[in-house]
Amino acid sequence: MTEMAVLITWHGHTLCLSQLDKEMLVAPDPEADYWTAEDVAEYLGVAVRSVYTYRLRGQKGEPGGLPREDRMFGRSPAWKPATITGWQRPDVSTRRGRPPRRPTAEGA
């Protein structure tokens, strides 16, 4: 049997994890009272910075924005797990980014 390896980047370092190591990674606890931005990022598989971007979009009422946080702990937002698991992530059509390059007519 071939063991599969997984490459992840963490704080600028690339780590190689075997399948067994990957299974040992701790996911956010769905039974917790609240999830931090770090927990939400882990659940969504995105960077923590992306969670704050999604949160800002939600505050502006833009598509793809996170639901309003359920509680603030000081200056840190927190969400109930059900709030995040029930949220529909933006699909490709609502994501921002650079528009595709348009072909240019040669000889123009």
C-alpha atoms as a PDB file:
ATOM      1  CA  MET A   1       0.000   0.000   0.000  1.00  0.00           C
ATOM      2  CA  THR A   2       1.318   3.426  -0.932  1.00  0.00           C
ATOM      3  CA  GLU A   3       1.231   6.112   1.729  1.00  0.00           C
ATOM      4  CA  MET A   4       0.034   9.480   0.508  1.00  0.00           C
ATOM      5  CA  ALA A   5       1.840  12.658   1.581  1.00  0.00           C
ATOM      6  CA  VAL A   6       0.254  16.074   1.963  1.00  0.00           C
ATOM      7  CA  LEU A   7       2.084  19.378   1.609  1.00  0.00           C
ATOM      8  CA  ILE A   8       0.850  22.313   3.644  1.00  0.00           C
ATOM      9  CA  THR A   9       2.224  25.802   4.141  1.00  0.00           C
ATOM     10  CA  TRP A  10       2.237  27.166   7.664  1.00  0.00           C
ATOM     11  CA  HIS A  11       3.784  30.504   8.610  1.00  0.00           C
ATOM     12  CA  GLY A  12       5.853  30.513   5.439  1.00  0.00           C
ATOM     13  CA  HIS A  13       7.196  26.991   5.945  1.00  0.00           C
ATOM     14  CA  THR A  14       6.201  24.034   3.807  1.00  0.00           C
ATOM     15  CA  LEU A  15       5.500  20.890   5.782  1.00  0.00           C
ATOM     16  CA  CYS A  16       5.020  17.394   4.454  1.00  0.00           C
ATOM     17  CA  LEU A  17       2.509  15.321   6.364  1.00  0.00           C
ATOM     18  CA  SER A  18       1.779  11.672   5.855  1.00  0.00           C
ATOM     19  CA  GLN A  19      -1.855  10.593   5.708  1.00  0.00           C
ATOM     20  CA  LEU A  20      -1.612   9.397   9.317  1.00  0.00           C
ATOM     21  CA  ASP A  21      -0.314  12.786  10.458  1.00  0.00           C
ATOM     22  CA  LYS A  22      -3.106  14.545   8.554  1.00  0.00           C
ATOM     23  CA  GLU A  23      -5.727  12.466  10.358  1.00  0.00           C
ATOM     24  CA  MET A  24      -4.259  13.589  13.668  1.00  0.00           C
ATOM     25  CA  LEU A  25      -4.790  17.306  12.924  1.00  0.00           C
ATOM     26  CA  VAL A  26      -7.403  18.777  15.211  1.00  0.00           C
ATOM     27  CA  ALA A  27     -10.466  20.291  13.550  1.00  0.00           C
ATOM     28  CA  PRO A  28     -12.596  22.893  15.338  1.00  0.00           C
ATOM     29  CA  ASP A  29     -14.937  21.350  17.884  1.00  0.00           C
ATOM     30  CA  PRO A  30     -18.512  21.483  16.541  1.00  0.00           C
ATOM     31  CA  GLU A  31     -19.771  21.191  20.131  1.00  0.00           C
ATOM     32  CA  ALA A  32     -17.888  24.311  21.304  1.00  0.00           C
ATOM     33  CA  ASP A  33     -19.883  27.335  22.418  1.00  0.00           C
ATOM     34  CA  TYR A  34     -18.045  29.653  20.022  1.00  0.00           C
ATOM     35  CA  TRP A  35     -15.451  29.510  17.237  1.00  0.00           C
ATOM     36  CA  THR A  36     -12.712  32.097  16.893  1.00  0.00           C
ATOM     37  CA  ALA A  37     -11.560  33.454  13.526  1.00  0.00           C
ATOM     38  CA  GLU A  38      -8.795  30.834  13.640  1.00  0.00           C
ATOM     39  CA  ASP A  39     -11.364  28.054  14.146  1.00  0.00           C
ATOM     40  CA  VAL A  40     -13.486  29.383  11.272  1.00  0.00           C
ATOM     41  CA  ALA A  41     -10.414  29.522   9.028  1.00  0.00           C
ATOM     42  CA  GLU A  42      -9.539  25.919   9.911  1.00  0.00           C
ATOM     43  CA  TYR A  43     -13.102  24.780   9.204  1.00  0.00           C
ATOM     44  CA  LEU A  44     -13.262  26.612   5.855  1.00  0.00           C
ATOM     45  CA  GLY A  45      -9.725  25.683   4.860  1.00  0.00           C
ATOM     46  CA  VAL A  46      -8.690  29.295   4.297  1.00  0.00           C
ATOM     47  CA  ALA A  47      -6.257  31.746   5.855  1.00  0.00           C
ATOM     48  CA  VAL A  48      -7.332  33.682   8.952  1.00  0.00           C
ATOM     49  CA  ARG A  49      -6.972  36.856   6.904  1.00  0.00           C
ATOM     50  CA  SER A  50      -9.669  35.545   4.534  1.00  0.00           C
ATOM     51  CA  VAL A  51     -12.063  35.128   7.464  1.00  0.00           C
ATOM     52  CA  TYR A  52     -11.619  38.795   8.334  1.00  0.00           C
ATOM     53  CA  THR A  53     -12.157  39.733   4.672  1.00  0.00           C
ATOM     54  CA  TYR A  54     -15.377  37.658   4.576  1.00  0.00           C
ATOM     55  CA  ARG A  55     -16.438  39.330   7.833  1.00  0.00           C
ATOM     56  CA  LEU A  56     -15.879  42.816   6.405  1.00  0.00           C
ATOM     57  CA  ARG A  57     -17.917  41.930   3.318  1.00  0.00           C
ATOM     58  CA  GLY A  58     -20.728  40.738   5.572  1.00  0.00           C
ATOM     59  CA  GLN A  59     -20.704  44.010   7.508  1.00  0.00           C
ATOM     60  CA  LYS A  60     -21.054  45.880   4.201  1.00  0.00           C
ATOM     61  CA  GLY A  61     -23.868  43.593   3.046  1.00  0.00           C
ATOM     62  CA  GLU A  62     -21.841  42.339   0.070  1.00  0.00           C
ATOM     63  CA  PRO A  63     -22.257  38.857  -1.415  1.00  0.00           C
ATOM     64  CA  GLY A  64     -20.017  36.239   0.138  1.00  0.00           C
ATOM     65  CA  GLY A  65     -19.839  37.992   3.484  1.00  0.00           C
ATOM     66  CA  LEU A  66     -19.832  36.056   6.732  1.00  0.00           C
ATOM     67  CA  PRO A  67     -22.866  36.317   8.956  1.00  0.00           C
ATOM     68  CA  ARG A  68     -22.511  38.825  11.769  1.00  0.00           C
ATOM     69  CA  GLU A  69     -20.529  37.459  14.696  1.00  0.00           C
ATOM     70  CA  ASP A  70     -22.596  36.026  17.520  1.00  0.00           C
ATOM     71  CA  ARG A  71     -20.387  37.541  20.197  1.00  0.00           C
ATOM     72  CA  MET A  72     -17.325  39.698  20.680  1.00  0.00           C
ATOM     73  CA  PHE A  73     -14.635  38.791  23.194  1.00  0.00           C
ATOM     74  CA  GLY A  74     -12.885  42.122  23.584  1.00  0.00           C
ATOM     75  CA  ARG A  75     -11.981  42.989  19.985  1.00  0.00           C
ATOM     76  CA  SER A  76     -12.136  39.387  18.784  1.00  0.00           C
ATOM     77  CA  PRO A  77     -15.227  38.168  16.913  1.00  0.00           C
ATOM     78  CA  ALA A  78     -16.675  34.751  17.675  1.00  0.00           C
ATOM     79  CA  TRP A  79     -19.369  32.710  15.971  1.00  0.00           C
ATOM     80  CA  LYS A  80     -21.464  29.792  17.100  1.00  0.00           C
ATOM     81  CA  PRO A  81     -20.462  26.701  15.104  1.00  0.00           C
ATOM     82  CA  ALA A  82     -24.000  26.411  13.698  1.00  0.00           C
ATOM     83  CA  THR A  83     -23.742  29.953  12.309  1.00  0.00           C
ATOM     84  CA  ILE A  84     -20.671  29.019  10.265  1.00  0.00           C
ATOM     85  CA  THR A  85     -21.712  25.515   9.248  1.00  0.00           C
ATOM     86  CA  GLY A  86     -25.026  26.904   7.967  1.00  0.00           C
ATOM     87  CA  TRP A  87     -23.340  29.666   5.955  1.00  0.00           C
ATOM     88  CA  GLN A  88     -23.067  29.236   2.196  1.00  0.00           C
ATOM     89  CA  ARG A  89     -19.555  30.084   1.038  1.00  0.00           C
ATOM     90  CA  PRO A  90     -19.333  32.280  -2.031  1.00  0.00           C
ATOM     91  CA  ASP A  91     -19.207  30.437  -5.315  1.00  0.00           C
ATOM     92  CA  VAL A  92     -16.888  31.325  -8.152  1.00  0.00           C
ATOM     93  CA  SER A  93     -19.313  33.862  -9.613  1.00  0.00           C
ATOM     94  CA  THR A  94     -19.286  36.013  -6.441  1.00  0.00           C
ATOM     95  CA  ARG A  95     -15.564  35.846  -5.756  1.00  0.00           C
ATOM     96  CA  ARG A  96     -13.509  38.887  -6.447  1.00  0.00           C
ATOM     97  CA  GLY A  97     -10.264  38.889  -8.253  1.00  0.00           C
ATOM     98  CA  ARG A  98      -8.573  39.925 -11.382  1.00  0.00           C
ATOM     99  CA  PRO A  99     -10.808  39.636 -14.451  1.00  0.00           C
ATOM    100  CA  PRO A 100      -9.658  37.203 -17.123  1.00  0.00           C
ATOM    101  CA  ARG A 101      -7.355  38.562 -19.778  1.00  0.00           C
ATOM    102  CA  ARG A 102      -9.030  39.368 -23.061  1.00  0.00           C
ATOM    103  CA  PRO A 103      -7.259  38.338 -26.208  1.00  0.00           C
ATOM    104  CA  THR A 104      -5.967  41.235 -28.234  1.00  0.00           C
ATOM    105  CA  ALA A 105      -6.257  41.413 -31.983  1.00  0.00           C
ATOM    106  CA  GLU A 106      -2.863  41.003 -33.562  1.00  0.00           C
ATOM    107  CA  GLY A 107      -1.803  43.749 -35.890  1.00  0.00           C
ATOM    108  CA  ALA A 108      -3.971  46.352 -34.182  1.00  0.00           C
END
